[in-house]
Amino acid sequence: MSAGGDWITFLQSSSSEDPLNKLWAWSASSGQTKVIADLETLIDNGSGETISREELARRERVREIGAGIVSYSANGHSPNIAFASNQSLFKIGIESSEVSDFTLGRDIFDPQISPNGNLIAYVSEGQLRYVDENGNDHAVTRPKKAKVIWCR
């Protein structure tokens, strides 16, 4: 649910023949439903999606069979939603549908949006990292010799 309480977000494909999940929002006040994120329009018509080892393992654990957007991070205090695909982090405004694409060139696992919606934390190559509102990428932790694997 959005910060103002009007929008409820969910994942769903456009039809039973469409294998790609899109991110949708439903307005409690108007009863209208809209697509706020669709990988087909965000990345090369959705055809070039690559999935990291960590994401494949997560999908196997939860028996996720969908494609497209399969998970996202929302916070009841934030006006934004975050999700990852193709080595990019996406931040979407729930009400505005404004998209910020932070292409990082690295595998991204388990993105989580901050309560104010400005920061997105994620795991990559055993490091806990975050991206600020300007797209600057920061390392929070640096693993020593042993590879650290973070998961929920």
Protein backbone atom coordinates (compact mmCIF):
# COMPACT_ATOMS: atom_id res chain seq x y z
CA MET A 1 0.00 0.00 0.00
CA SER A 2 1.25 3.48 -0.82
CA ALA A 3 2.26 6.12 1.72
CA GLY A 4 -1.06 7.94 1.31
CA GLY A 5 -3.01 4.69 1.57
CA ASP A 6 -4.73 5.09 -1.79
CA TRP A 7 -2.68 2.71 -3.95
CA ILE A 8 -2.30 -1.05 -3.61
CA THR A 9 0.44 -2.61 -5.75
CA PHE A 10 0.69 -6.14 -7.11
CA LEU A 11 2.34 -8.28 -9.81
CA GLN A 12 0.31 -9.78 -12.64
CA SER A 13 0.68 -10.53 -16.34
CA SER A 14 -1.58 -8.87 -18.90
CA SER A 15 -3.33 -12.12 -19.85
CA SER A 16 -3.17 -15.89 -19.44
CA GLU A 17 -1.03 -16.06 -22.61
CA ASP A 18 1.46 -13.43 -21.37
CA PRO A 19 4.30 -14.97 -19.29
CA LEU A 20 5.75 -11.61 -18.15
CA ASN A 21 4.60 -10.13 -14.86
CA LYS A 22 4.11 -6.39 -14.74
CA LEU A 23 3.87 -4.13 -11.69
CA TRP A 24 0.34 -2.79 -11.29
CA ALA A 25 -1.31 -0.31 -8.94
CA TRP A 26 -4.97 -0.13 -7.96
CA SER A 27 -6.47 3.11 -6.62
CA ALA A 28 -8.90 2.64 -3.74
CA SER A 29 -10.43 6.08 -4.34
CA SER A 30 -11.07 5.75 -8.09
CA GLY A 31 -11.18 1.98 -8.54
CA GLN A 32 -8.81 2.36 -11.49
CA THR A 33 -5.93 -0.05 -12.16
CA LYS A 34 -2.78 0.96 -14.04
CA VAL A 35 0.52 -0.62 -15.07
CA ILE A 36 3.36 1.27 -13.40
CA ALA A 37 6.26 -0.91 -14.60
CA ASP A 38 6.63 -3.26 -17.55
CA LEU A 39 10.00 -4.83 -18.42
CA GLU A 40 9.04 -4.97 -22.10
CA THR A 41 9.18 -1.18 -22.20
CA LEU A 42 11.98 -0.71 -19.64
CA ILE A 43 14.65 -3.01 -21.11
CA ASP A 44 15.06 -3.83 -24.79
CA ASN A 45 11.52 -5.15 -25.17
CA GLY A 46 12.08 -7.57 -22.28
CA SER A 47 13.99 -9.97 -24.51
CA GLY A 48 17.46 -9.61 -23.05
CA GLU A 49 16.79 -10.31 -19.38
CA THR A 50 19.66 -12.02 -17.59
CA ILE A 51 19.22 -13.53 -14.15
CA SER A 52 22.01 -13.82 -11.56
CA ARG A 53 22.87 -17.07 -9.75
CA GLU A 54 21.53 -15.62 -6.52
CA GLU A 55 18.23 -14.63 -8.12
CA LEU A 56 17.87 -18.03 -9.79
CA ALA A 57 18.43 -19.70 -6.40
CA ARG A 58 15.84 -17.41 -4.77
CA ARG A 59 13.30 -18.21 -7.48
CA GLU A 60 13.92 -21.94 -7.04
CA ARG A 61 13.53 -21.68 -3.24
CA VAL A 62 10.17 -19.95 -3.50
CA ARG A 63 9.14 -21.98 -6.56
CA GLU A 64 8.72 -18.83 -8.65
CA ILE A 65 7.76 -19.75 -12.20
CA GLY A 66 6.90 -16.30 -13.51
CA ALA A 67 9.06 -14.05 -15.65
CA GLY A 68 9.32 -10.30 -15.97
CA ILE A 69 9.08 -8.53 -12.62
CA VAL A 70 8.88 -11.30 -10.01
CA SER A 71 9.49 -9.36 -6.80
CA TYR A 72 9.66 -5.77 -5.62
CA SER A 73 10.27 -3.76 -2.49
CA ALA A 74 7.63 -1.41 -1.14
CA ASN A 75 7.33 0.44 2.14
CA GLY A 76 4.15 1.92 3.59
CA HIS A 77 5.99 5.20 4.23
CA SER A 78 7.63 5.55 0.81
CA PRO A 79 6.09 6.99 -2.35
CA ASN A 80 8.38 4.68 -4.38
CA ILE A 81 8.85 1.01 -5.21
CA ALA A 82 12.13 -0.70 -6.15
CA PHE A 83 12.96 -3.81 -8.15
CA ALA A 84 15.92 -5.19 -10.08
CA SER A 85 16.37 -6.67 -13.53
CA ASN A 86 19.28 -7.03 -15.96
CA GLN A 87 21.91 -5.50 -13.66
CA SER A 88 19.74 -2.42 -13.16
CA LEU A 89 17.86 -1.11 -10.17
CA PHE A 90 14.56 0.56 -10.93
CA LYS A 91 12.77 3.05 -8.70
CA ILE A 92 9.15 3.77 -9.63
CA GLY A 93 6.90 6.45 -8.18
CA ILE A 94 3.63 4.73 -7.24
CA GLU A 95 1.40 7.71 -8.01
CA SER A 96 3.52 9.41 -10.67
CA SER A 97 4.80 6.24 -12.44
CA GLU A 98 8.09 8.15 -12.82
CA VAL A 99 10.94 5.71 -13.48
CA SER A 100 14.56 6.01 -12.36
CA ASP A 101 16.86 3.41 -13.93
CA PHE A 102 20.19 2.90 -12.15
CA THR A 103 22.23 0.65 -14.45
CA LEU A 104 25.00 -0.76 -12.27
CA GLY A 105 26.64 -3.38 -14.49
CA ARG A 106 26.64 -5.95 -11.70
CA ASP A 107 24.33 -8.68 -10.45
CA ILE A 108 21.72 -7.31 -8.05
CA PHE A 109 19.96 -9.37 -5.41
CA ASP A 110 17.14 -8.53 -2.98
CA PRO A 111 16.74 -4.76 -3.46
CA GLN A 112 15.04 -3.01 -0.53
CA ILE A 113 13.78 0.57 -0.63
CA SER A 114 14.29 2.87 2.37
CA PRO A 115 11.30 4.28 4.28
CA ASN A 116 11.71 7.70 2.65
CA GLY A 117 12.10 6.14 -0.81
CA ASN A 118 15.45 7.79 -1.58
CA LEU A 119 17.85 4.87 -1.02
CA ILE A 120 17.82 1.33 -2.36
CA ALA A 121 19.90 -1.28 -0.54
CA TYR A 122 20.88 -4.49 -2.33
CA VAL A 123 23.36 -7.35 -2.29
CA SER A 124 25.94 -7.94 -5.02
CA GLU A 125 28.93 -10.27 -5.10
CA GLY A 126 28.76 -10.80 -1.33
CA GLN A 127 28.61 -7.09 -0.55
CA LEU A 128 25.81 -5.11 1.02
CA ARG A 129 25.49 -1.95 -1.08
CA TYR A 130 23.08 0.93 -1.68
CA VAL A 131 22.25 3.43 -4.39
CA ASP A 132 21.35 6.99 -3.42
CA GLU A 133 18.74 9.17 -5.12
CA ASN A 134 21.35 10.46 -7.60
CA GLY A 135 22.34 6.95 -8.70
CA ASN A 136 25.63 6.88 -6.79
CA ASP A 137 26.53 3.33 -5.78
CA HIS A 138 28.02 2.79 -2.29
CA ALA A 139 29.49 -0.28 -0.57
CA VAL A 140 28.36 -0.78 3.03
CA THR A 141 30.34 -3.96 3.62
CA ARG A 142 33.33 -5.49 1.92
CA PRO A 143 33.79 -9.23 2.37
CA LYS A 144 37.24 -10.40 3.35
CA LYS A 145 38.63 -13.60 1.83
CA ALA A 146 35.55 -15.76 2.28
CA LYS A 147 32.64 -15.04 0.00
CA VAL A 148 29.67 -13.87 2.06
CA ILE A 149 26.18 -14.75 0.90
CA TRP A 150 23.35 -12.58 2.21
CA CYS A 151 19.76 -13.76 2.11
CA ARG A 152 16.46 -13.24 3.86
